[in-house]
């Protein structure tokens, strides 16, 4: 093994470690300086669901009730969607 190869390899590893440290420092700084909710809204990053979807009051009912449509077979679905095939 050549001595210059070892020195070069050690230098590359040192440079890699330094780059990783610098990246970690930059990312930590970015994460610690989070934008406000208002800034996110202005940048159109943070949106409300109701901004794009019409939201209406819904009747409260027991959603655990029996759901018969979950037991439809493929043939049942064809008959429902294509009654002319009967």
N, C-alpha and C. Protein backbone atom coordinates (compact mmCIF):
# COMPACT_ATOMS: atom_id res chain seq x y z
N UNK A 1 0.86 -1.18 0.00
CA UNK A 1 0.00 0.00 0.00
C UNK A 1 0.89 1.23 0.00
N UNK A 2 0.62 2.11 -0.89
CA UNK A 2 1.40 3.33 -1.06
C UNK A 2 1.05 4.35 0.03
N UNK A 3 2.03 5.04 0.58
CA UNK A 3 1.82 6.01 1.65
C UNK A 3 0.97 7.18 1.16
N UNK A 4 1.23 7.64 -0.07
CA UNK A 4 0.47 8.77 -0.59
C UNK A 4 -1.00 8.40 -0.77
N UNK A 5 -1.27 7.13 -1.10
CA UNK A 5 -2.66 6.67 -1.21
C UNK A 5 -3.36 6.75 0.14
N UNK A 6 -2.67 6.34 1.19
CA UNK A 6 -3.25 6.37 2.53
C UNK A 6 -3.53 7.80 2.96
N UNK A 7 -2.58 8.71 2.68
CA UNK A 7 -2.76 10.12 3.04
C UNK A 7 -3.93 10.73 2.28
N UNK A 8 -4.02 10.40 1.01
CA UNK A 8 -5.10 10.91 0.17
C UNK A 8 -6.45 10.39 0.66
N UNK A 9 -6.50 9.13 1.00
CA UNK A 9 -7.72 8.51 1.50
C UNK A 9 -8.14 9.14 2.82
N UNK A 10 -7.18 9.36 3.71
CA UNK A 10 -7.47 9.98 5.00
C UNK A 10 -7.98 11.40 4.80
N UNK A 11 -7.39 12.13 3.85
CA UNK A 11 -7.81 13.50 3.57
C UNK A 11 -9.25 13.51 3.03
N UNK A 12 -9.57 12.56 2.13
CA UNK A 12 -10.92 12.47 1.58
C UNK A 12 -11.95 12.17 2.67
N UNK A 13 -11.59 11.27 3.59
CA UNK A 13 -12.49 10.96 4.70
C UNK A 13 -12.69 12.18 5.58
N UNK A 14 -11.60 12.92 5.81
CA UNK A 14 -11.69 14.13 6.62
C UNK A 14 -12.58 15.17 5.94
N UNK A 15 -12.44 15.32 4.63
CA UNK A 15 -13.27 16.26 3.88
C UNK A 15 -14.73 15.85 3.93
N UNK A 16 -14.98 14.55 3.79
CA UNK A 16 -16.36 14.04 3.86
C UNK A 16 -16.99 14.35 5.22
N UNK A 17 -16.21 14.08 6.29
CA UNK A 17 -16.72 14.35 7.63
C UNK A 17 -17.02 15.84 7.80
N UNK A 18 -16.14 16.69 7.30
CA UNK A 18 -16.34 18.14 7.40
C UNK A 18 -17.59 18.56 6.63
N UNK A 19 -17.80 18.01 5.43
CA UNK A 19 -18.99 18.32 4.64
C UNK A 19 -20.26 17.89 5.36
N UNK A 20 -20.21 16.71 5.97
CA UNK A 20 -21.37 16.21 6.71
C UNK A 20 -21.68 17.12 7.90
N UNK A 21 -20.63 17.55 8.63
CA UNK A 21 -20.82 18.45 9.77
C UNK A 21 -21.47 19.76 9.31
N UNK A 22 -20.96 20.29 8.20
CA UNK A 22 -21.47 21.55 7.68
C UNK A 22 -22.94 21.41 7.26
N UNK A 23 -23.26 20.32 6.58
CA UNK A 23 -24.63 20.06 6.17
C UNK A 23 -25.55 19.93 7.38
N UNK A 24 -25.09 19.20 8.38
CA UNK A 24 -25.88 19.01 9.60
C UNK A 24 -26.14 20.36 10.27
N UNK A 25 -25.11 21.21 10.32
CA UNK A 25 -25.24 22.53 10.93
C UNK A 25 -26.26 23.38 10.16
N UNK A 26 -26.17 23.35 8.81
CA UNK A 26 -27.08 24.12 7.98
C UNK A 26 -28.53 23.66 8.15
N UNK A 27 -28.72 22.34 8.14
CA UNK A 27 -30.08 21.81 8.27
C UNK A 27 -30.65 22.09 9.65
N UNK A 28 -29.83 21.99 10.68
CA UNK A 28 -30.30 22.29 12.04
C UNK A 28 -30.73 23.75 12.13
N UNK A 29 -29.97 24.63 11.52
CA UNK A 29 -30.30 26.06 11.53
C UNK A 29 -31.63 26.28 10.80
N UNK A 30 -31.80 25.62 9.65
CA UNK A 30 -33.05 25.77 8.89
C UNK A 30 -34.25 25.30 9.71
N UNK A 31 -34.09 24.17 10.38
CA UNK A 31 -35.20 23.63 11.17
C UNK A 31 -35.52 24.49 12.37
N UNK A 32 -34.54 25.15 12.92
CA UNK A 32 -34.78 25.98 14.10
C UNK A 32 -35.43 27.31 13.73
N UNK A 33 -35.39 27.69 12.48
CA UNK A 33 -35.99 28.95 12.03
C UNK A 33 -37.20 28.66 11.16
N UNK A 34 -38.23 28.12 11.79
CA UNK A 34 -39.42 27.72 11.04
C UNK A 34 -40.28 28.94 10.70
N UNK A 35 -40.90 28.93 9.52
CA UNK A 35 -41.78 30.05 9.14
C UNK A 35 -43.06 30.03 9.97
N UNK A 36 -43.69 31.18 10.07
CA UNK A 36 -44.95 31.27 10.81
C UNK A 36 -46.08 30.73 9.94
N UNK A 37 -47.21 30.48 10.57
CA UNK A 37 -48.38 30.00 9.84
C UNK A 37 -48.78 31.02 8.78
N UNK A 38 -48.72 32.30 9.14
CA UNK A 38 -49.09 33.35 8.19
C UNK A 38 -48.15 33.35 6.98
N UNK A 39 -46.86 33.18 7.21
CA UNK A 39 -45.89 33.13 6.10
C UNK A 39 -46.17 31.94 5.19
N UNK A 40 -46.53 30.81 5.78
CA UNK A 40 -46.85 29.62 4.98
C UNK A 40 -48.11 29.85 4.15
N UNK A 41 -49.09 30.53 4.73
CA UNK A 41 -50.33 30.81 3.98
C UNK A 41 -50.05 31.77 2.83
N UNK A 42 -49.24 32.79 3.09
CA UNK A 42 -48.90 33.76 2.04
C UNK A 42 -48.16 33.09 0.89
N UNK A 43 -47.33 32.11 1.22
CA UNK A 43 -46.56 31.39 0.19
C UNK A 43 -47.40 30.29 -0.45
N UNK A 44 -48.68 30.21 -0.08
CA UNK A 44 -49.60 29.20 -0.61
C UNK A 44 -49.12 27.77 -0.31
N UNK A 45 -48.43 27.61 0.82
CA UNK A 45 -47.96 26.29 1.23
C UNK A 45 -48.96 25.68 2.20
N UNK A 46 -49.44 26.50 3.12
CA UNK A 46 -50.40 26.01 4.10
C UNK A 46 -51.79 26.46 3.66
N UNK A 47 -52.63 25.50 3.36
CA UNK A 47 -54.00 25.82 2.94
C UNK A 47 -54.96 25.08 3.85
N UNK A 48 -56.16 25.59 3.91
CA UNK A 48 -57.18 24.90 4.68
C UNK A 48 -57.98 24.01 3.75
N UNK A 49 -58.41 22.89 4.27
CA UNK A 49 -59.22 21.95 3.50
C UNK A 49 -60.45 22.67 2.95
N UNK A 50 -61.07 23.51 3.77
CA UNK A 50 -62.31 24.18 3.37
C UNK A 50 -62.07 25.24 2.30
N UNK A 51 -60.83 25.61 2.03
CA UNK A 51 -60.56 26.57 0.94
C UNK A 51 -60.83 25.95 -0.42
N UNK A 52 -60.77 24.64 -0.53
CA UNK A 52 -60.93 23.97 -1.82
C UNK A 52 -62.16 23.07 -1.89
N UNK A 53 -62.74 22.74 -0.75
CA UNK A 53 -63.86 21.82 -0.73
C UNK A 53 -65.02 22.48 0.00
N UNK A 54 -66.20 22.36 -0.57
CA UNK A 54 -67.37 22.91 0.10
C UNK A 54 -67.66 22.07 1.34
N UNK A 55 -67.74 22.70 2.45
CA UNK A 55 -67.97 22.01 3.71
C UNK A 55 -69.37 22.36 4.20
N UNK A 56 -70.14 21.35 4.54
CA UNK A 56 -71.51 21.58 5.01
C UNK A 56 -71.74 20.78 6.27
N UNK A 57 -72.74 21.17 7.01
CA UNK A 57 -73.11 20.43 8.21
C UNK A 57 -73.65 19.06 7.79
N UNK A 58 -73.33 18.04 8.56
CA UNK A 58 -73.82 16.69 8.26
C UNK A 58 -74.61 16.17 9.45
N UNK A 59 -75.60 15.38 9.12
CA UNK A 59 -76.41 14.79 10.17
C UNK A 59 -75.57 13.77 10.93
N UNK A 60 -75.65 13.81 12.23
CA UNK A 60 -74.90 12.87 13.05
C UNK A 60 -75.65 11.54 13.11
N UNK A 61 -74.99 10.46 12.76
CA UNK A 61 -75.62 9.14 12.83
C UNK A 61 -74.56 8.10 13.17
N UNK A 62 -75.02 6.93 13.52
CA UNK A 62 -74.11 5.85 13.93
C UNK A 62 -73.45 5.26 12.69
N UNK A 63 -72.19 5.51 12.52
CA UNK A 63 -71.46 5.05 11.34
C UNK A 63 -71.02 3.59 11.45
N UNK A 64 -71.31 2.98 12.59
CA UNK A 64 -70.94 1.57 12.76
C UNK A 64 -72.05 0.63 12.29
N UNK A 65 -73.12 1.19 11.77
CA UNK A 65 -74.27 0.38 11.34
C UNK A 65 -73.87 -0.55 10.19
N UNK A 66 -74.75 -1.49 9.91
CA UNK A 66 -74.51 -2.46 8.84
C UNK A 66 -74.37 -1.74 7.50
N UNK A 67 -73.40 -2.16 6.71
CA UNK A 67 -73.16 -1.58 5.38
C UNK A 67 -73.32 -2.70 4.34
N UNK A 68 -74.55 -2.90 3.86
CA UNK A 68 -74.81 -4.02 2.96
C UNK A 68 -74.04 -3.94 1.64
N UNK A 69 -73.68 -2.75 1.20
CA UNK A 69 -72.96 -2.63 -0.07
C UNK A 69 -71.56 -3.25 0.00
N UNK A 70 -71.08 -3.52 1.20
CA UNK A 70 -69.75 -4.14 1.30
C UNK A 70 -69.81 -5.62 0.97
N UNK A 71 -71.02 -6.16 0.91
CA UNK A 71 -71.15 -7.59 0.60
C UNK A 71 -71.55 -7.85 -0.85
N UNK A 72 -71.55 -6.84 -1.69
CA UNK A 72 -71.92 -7.03 -3.09
C UNK A 72 -70.85 -7.85 -3.82
N UNK A 73 -71.31 -8.77 -4.64
CA UNK A 73 -70.38 -9.54 -5.45
C UNK A 73 -70.11 -8.77 -6.74
N UNK A 74 -69.15 -9.23 -7.52
CA UNK A 74 -68.83 -8.60 -8.80
C UNK A 74 -70.07 -8.63 -9.72
N UNK A 75 -70.80 -9.75 -9.70
CA UNK A 75 -71.99 -9.89 -10.54
C UNK A 75 -73.07 -8.88 -10.10
N UNK A 76 -73.24 -8.70 -8.78
CA UNK A 76 -74.20 -7.71 -8.28
C UNK A 76 -73.85 -6.31 -8.79
N UNK A 77 -72.59 -5.97 -8.77
CA UNK A 77 -72.14 -4.65 -9.21
C UNK A 77 -72.40 -4.45 -10.70
N UNK A 78 -72.17 -5.50 -11.49
CA UNK A 78 -72.44 -5.41 -12.93
C UNK A 78 -73.93 -5.16 -13.16
N UNK A 79 -74.79 -5.90 -12.44
CA UNK A 79 -76.23 -5.74 -12.60
C UNK A 79 -76.68 -4.34 -12.18
N UNK A 80 -76.05 -3.77 -11.18
CA UNK A 80 -76.42 -2.42 -10.74
C UNK A 80 -76.00 -1.36 -11.76
N UNK A 81 -74.80 -1.51 -12.31
CA UNK A 81 -74.27 -0.51 -13.23
C UNK A 81 -74.72 -0.70 -14.67
N UNK A 82 -75.11 -1.93 -15.03
CA UNK A 82 -75.52 -2.22 -16.41
C UNK A 82 -76.80 -3.06 -16.40
N UNK A 83 -77.94 -2.47 -16.06
CA UNK A 83 -79.19 -3.24 -15.96
C UNK A 83 -79.62 -3.83 -17.31
N UNK A 84 -79.13 -3.24 -18.41
CA UNK A 84 -79.51 -3.76 -19.74
C UNK A 84 -78.94 -5.15 -19.99
N UNK A 85 -77.98 -5.57 -19.19
CA UNK A 85 -77.36 -6.89 -19.38
C UNK A 85 -78.15 -8.00 -18.71
N UNK A 86 -79.25 -7.68 -18.07
CA UNK A 86 -80.04 -8.72 -17.38
C UNK A 86 -80.64 -9.70 -18.33
